[in-house]
Amino acid sequence: MTERRKRKGASRRHSDAQIQTLVVDDHHTVRESLRYVFAAARFGQIVEASTREEAAAAVRERHVDVVLLDLALGDGDGPVALCEIRAIDAAVPVLVHSYYDKPRMLSQCFHAGAAGYVVKGRDKNALLQAVRQAVHTGSVWTAQQLEQIRTLDADRHPSRQQSTSWADHRGVATSATNE
């Protein structure tokens, strides 16, 4: 049985020191800062990628528990990278980490399968908590973000009726991770 298959069926309970995080950002200073934040919090190994291609290779070749993905990559847009990563390993949660916090981007990432969306520049403890939650529960969408997505989707497709609550659709919404 391959490592990937073992991981898909395994429990997602990890201590911080066991969490293997792939940081995908085209800015070296951002990756370096995140590496410092994760090391100071005693998280496990940090794997880095600066391009979509490097991110895809890392997910294929390495065991990572969570991906922290910037949306503005030099070799293409993050939503495409998100889809590529999810196609390689749908079990690994992808947490978007971006300056862009417009409802349209939230919706695009949500529908592409992101585990959540954390705005860059927010409190480092909120980021660390979001990574933990993505690993342990698979979803870190806040109630506020889900409402923005639902509203945008309803405006775009007024004839569609939501059959279930959005919190039920993606798992339990978090309280204040991104607020």
Foldseek 3Di string as FASTA:
>chain_A
DDPLVVVLPDALDDDQQAAEEEEEAQDPVVLVVVVVLSVVVNGHHYHYHQALVRLLVCLQPHDHQEYEAEQDGPVDGGLVSLLSSCVNHVSRAYEYEYQDDALVVLLSNVVSNHQYYAYPPDDSVLVVVQSNCCSNPVHAAAPVSQVSNVVVVCVVPVVDDDPDRSCVVNDHYDHPSRD
